[in-house]
Amino acid sequence: MSDSAKSNDEIQGEGNYTAAEDYDEGVREFVKRGKVKSAAEKAAPRDADEERELSEAEKEGLSHARSSGGNA
């Protein structure tokens, strides 16, 4: 194993810090480009039926989530 590969493996711990940093940077760039509002509008339910389906799916998913003492 190369020194750089070993170094990267050692910093990962229980999470992938490199991937988390890359994700965070991507989110910051997305926000800087001003695309949040248009993305939110595209993701919004198209009608009342779709809104109800999404709400039911969210409730179903949350019912399967493990309680971690947090907001889940």
N, C-alpha and C. Protein backbone atom coordinates (compact mmCIF):
# COMPACT_ATOMS: atom_id res chain seq x y z
N MET A 1 0.86 -1.18 0.00
CA MET A 1 0.00 0.00 0.00
C MET A 1 0.90 1.24 0.00
N SER A 2 0.60 2.21 -0.84
CA SER A 2 1.41 3.41 -0.90
C SER A 2 1.17 4.25 0.34
N ASP A 3 2.14 5.14 0.61
CA ASP A 3 1.99 6.01 1.78
C ASP A 3 0.75 6.88 1.69
N SER A 4 0.44 7.40 0.48
CA SER A 4 -0.74 8.26 0.36
C SER A 4 -2.02 7.46 0.55
N ALA A 5 -2.08 6.24 0.03
CA ALA A 5 -3.27 5.40 0.22
C ALA A 5 -3.42 5.05 1.69
N LYS A 6 -2.31 4.70 2.34
CA LYS A 6 -2.36 4.38 3.76
C LYS A 6 -2.81 5.60 4.55
N SER A 7 -2.29 6.76 4.22
CA SER A 7 -2.67 7.99 4.91
C SER A 7 -4.17 8.25 4.79
N ASN A 8 -4.72 8.08 3.58
CA ASN A 8 -6.15 8.29 3.38
C ASN A 8 -6.98 7.28 4.15
N ASP A 9 -6.55 6.01 4.19
CA ASP A 9 -7.28 4.99 4.93
C ASP A 9 -7.31 5.32 6.42
N GLU A 10 -6.21 5.86 6.93
CA GLU A 10 -6.12 6.12 8.35
C GLU A 10 -7.05 7.26 8.80
N ILE A 11 -7.34 8.19 7.94
CA ILE A 11 -8.18 9.32 8.36
C ILE A 11 -9.67 9.03 8.21
N GLN A 12 -10.04 7.90 7.65
CA GLN A 12 -11.45 7.65 7.39
C GLN A 12 -12.23 7.31 8.65
N GLY A 13 -11.69 6.58 9.56
CA GLY A 13 -12.40 6.25 10.79
C GLY A 13 -13.75 5.62 10.49
N GLU A 14 -14.78 6.09 11.18
CA GLU A 14 -16.13 5.55 10.97
C GLU A 14 -16.86 6.24 9.85
N GLY A 15 -16.27 7.30 9.32
CA GLY A 15 -16.89 8.02 8.21
C GLY A 15 -15.86 8.30 7.14
N ASN A 16 -16.33 8.63 5.99
CA ASN A 16 -15.42 8.95 4.90
C ASN A 16 -15.30 10.47 4.84
N TYR A 17 -14.28 10.99 5.52
CA TYR A 17 -14.12 12.44 5.62
C TYR A 17 -13.88 13.09 4.27
N THR A 18 -13.15 12.42 3.40
CA THR A 18 -12.88 12.97 2.08
C THR A 18 -14.18 13.12 1.30
N ALA A 19 -15.02 12.10 1.33
CA ALA A 19 -16.31 12.17 0.63
C ALA A 19 -17.20 13.24 1.25
N ALA A 20 -17.19 13.36 2.57
CA ALA A 20 -18.00 14.38 3.24
C ALA A 20 -17.55 15.78 2.84
N GLU A 21 -16.24 15.99 2.78
CA GLU A 21 -15.72 17.30 2.37
C GLU A 21 -16.09 17.60 0.93
N ASP A 22 -15.98 16.59 0.05
CA ASP A 22 -16.36 16.77 -1.35
C ASP A 22 -17.84 17.12 -1.48
N TYR A 23 -18.67 16.43 -0.72
CA TYR A 23 -20.11 16.69 -0.74
C TYR A 23 -20.40 18.12 -0.27
N ASP A 24 -19.79 18.49 0.86
CA ASP A 24 -20.01 19.83 1.40
C ASP A 24 -19.60 20.90 0.41
N GLU A 25 -18.47 20.71 -0.25
CA GLU A 25 -18.00 21.67 -1.25
C GLU A 25 -18.98 21.74 -2.42
N GLY A 26 -19.50 20.60 -2.84
CA GLY A 26 -20.49 20.59 -3.91
C GLY A 26 -21.75 21.34 -3.54
N VAL A 27 -22.20 21.19 -2.30
CA VAL A 27 -23.39 21.90 -1.83
C VAL A 27 -23.11 23.40 -1.81
N ARG A 28 -21.94 23.78 -1.31
CA ARG A 28 -21.61 25.22 -1.28
C ARG A 28 -21.60 25.80 -2.69
N GLU A 29 -21.03 25.09 -3.65
CA GLU A 29 -20.99 25.57 -5.03
C GLU A 29 -22.40 25.67 -5.62
N PHE A 30 -23.23 24.68 -5.33
CA PHE A 30 -24.62 24.68 -5.81
C PHE A 30 -25.35 25.92 -5.30
N VAL A 31 -25.17 26.23 -4.03
CA VAL A 31 -25.82 27.39 -3.42
C VAL A 31 -25.26 28.68 -4.04
N LYS A 32 -23.95 28.74 -4.22
CA LYS A 32 -23.33 29.93 -4.82
C LYS A 32 -23.86 30.20 -6.22
N ARG A 33 -24.14 29.15 -6.97
CA ARG A 33 -24.65 29.32 -8.34
C ARG A 33 -26.10 29.77 -8.37
N GLY A 34 -26.76 29.82 -7.21
CA GLY A 34 -28.11 30.34 -7.13
C GLY A 34 -29.17 29.41 -7.70
N LYS A 35 -28.95 28.11 -7.62
CA LYS A 35 -29.89 27.16 -8.21
C LYS A 35 -30.83 26.52 -7.20
N VAL A 36 -30.79 26.96 -5.97
CA VAL A 36 -31.60 26.34 -4.93
C VAL A 36 -33.09 26.53 -5.20
N LYS A 37 -33.49 27.76 -5.50
CA LYS A 37 -34.92 28.04 -5.70
C LYS A 37 -35.47 27.24 -6.88
N SER A 38 -34.76 27.21 -8.00
CA SER A 38 -35.27 26.48 -9.16
C SER A 38 -35.31 24.98 -8.89
N ALA A 39 -34.33 24.46 -8.15
CA ALA A 39 -34.33 23.03 -7.82
C ALA A 39 -35.50 22.70 -6.89
N ALA A 40 -35.78 23.59 -5.95
CA ALA A 40 -36.90 23.38 -5.03
C ALA A 40 -38.22 23.40 -5.80
N GLU A 41 -38.34 24.31 -6.74
CA GLU A 41 -39.56 24.40 -7.54
C GLU A 41 -39.76 23.14 -8.38
N LYS A 42 -38.67 22.62 -8.95
CA LYS A 42 -38.76 21.39 -9.75
C LYS A 42 -39.12 20.19 -8.89
N ALA A 43 -38.69 20.21 -7.63
CA ALA A 43 -38.93 19.06 -6.74
C ALA A 43 -40.29 19.11 -6.06
N ALA A 44 -40.96 20.24 -6.13
CA ALA A 44 -42.25 20.40 -5.46
C ALA A 44 -43.30 19.48 -6.09
N PRO A 45 -44.23 19.00 -5.28
CA PRO A 45 -45.31 18.16 -5.83
C PRO A 45 -46.07 18.91 -6.92
N ARG A 46 -46.46 18.17 -7.97
CA ARG A 46 -47.16 18.79 -9.10
C ARG A 46 -48.64 19.03 -8.81
N ASP A 47 -49.19 18.24 -7.88
CA ASP A 47 -50.61 18.40 -7.56
C ASP A 47 -50.88 17.82 -6.18
N ALA A 48 -52.12 17.94 -5.73
CA ALA A 48 -52.50 17.49 -4.38
C ALA A 48 -52.31 15.99 -4.21
N ASP A 49 -52.59 15.21 -5.28
CA ASP A 49 -52.41 13.76 -5.19
C ASP A 49 -50.95 13.40 -4.96
N GLU A 50 -50.06 14.04 -5.71
CA GLU A 50 -48.64 13.75 -5.55
C GLU A 50 -48.16 14.20 -4.16
N GLU A 51 -48.65 15.33 -3.69
CA GLU A 51 -48.28 15.80 -2.36
C GLU A 51 -48.70 14.79 -1.30
N ARG A 52 -49.90 14.23 -1.42
CA ARG A 52 -50.39 13.23 -0.48
C ARG A 52 -49.53 11.96 -0.55
N GLU A 53 -49.20 11.52 -1.77
CA GLU A 53 -48.37 10.32 -1.93
C GLU A 53 -46.99 10.51 -1.28
N LEU A 54 -46.41 11.68 -1.50
CA LEU A 54 -45.10 11.95 -0.90
C LEU A 54 -45.18 11.98 0.62
N SER A 55 -46.22 12.56 1.15
CA SER A 55 -46.40 12.63 2.59
C SER A 55 -46.56 11.23 3.18
N GLU A 56 -47.36 10.40 2.52
CA GLU A 56 -47.56 9.03 2.99
C GLU A 56 -46.25 8.23 2.92
N ALA A 57 -45.49 8.42 1.86
CA ALA A 57 -44.21 7.72 1.71
C ALA A 57 -43.23 8.16 2.80
N GLU A 58 -43.24 9.45 3.11
CA GLU A 58 -42.36 9.95 4.16
C GLU A 58 -42.74 9.34 5.51
N LYS A 59 -44.03 9.30 5.82
CA LYS A 59 -44.48 8.70 7.08
C LYS A 59 -44.09 7.23 7.16
N GLU A 60 -44.25 6.51 6.04
CA GLU A 60 -43.88 5.09 6.00
C GLU A 60 -42.39 4.92 6.25
N GLY A 61 -41.58 5.74 5.58
CA GLY A 61 -40.13 5.66 5.77
C GLY A 61 -39.73 5.96 7.20
N LEU A 62 -40.32 7.00 7.76
CA LEU A 62 -40.00 7.36 9.14
C LEU A 62 -40.42 6.29 10.12
N SER A 63 -41.47 5.55 9.81
CA SER A 63 -41.92 4.50 10.72
C SER A 63 -40.92 3.35 10.79
N HIS A 64 -40.05 3.26 9.78
CA HIS A 64 -39.04 2.20 9.75
C HIS A 64 -37.69 2.68 10.28
N ALA A 65 -37.55 3.97 10.48
CA ALA A 65 -36.28 4.52 10.94
C ALA A 65 -36.02 4.13 12.39
N ARG A 66 -34.77 3.83 12.67
CA ARG A 66 -34.42 3.53 14.06
C ARG A 66 -34.41 4.81 14.86
N SER A 67 -34.93 4.74 16.04
CA SER A 67 -34.90 5.90 16.91
C SER A 67 -33.48 6.07 17.44
N SER A 68 -32.92 7.25 17.20
CA SER A 68 -31.56 7.51 17.66
C SER A 68 -31.55 8.57 18.75
N GLY A 69 -32.72 8.89 19.24
CA GLY A 69 -32.80 9.92 20.25
C GLY A 69 -32.74 11.32 19.64
N GLY A 70 -32.68 11.35 18.30
CA GLY A 70 -32.59 12.63 17.61
C GLY A 70 -33.91 12.97 16.95
N ASN A 71 -33.84 13.51 15.75
CA ASN A 71 -35.03 13.97 15.04
C ASN A 71 -35.66 12.91 14.15
N ALA A 72 -35.12 11.72 14.09
CA ALA A 72 -35.63 10.71 13.16
C ALA A 72 -36.90 10.10 13.59
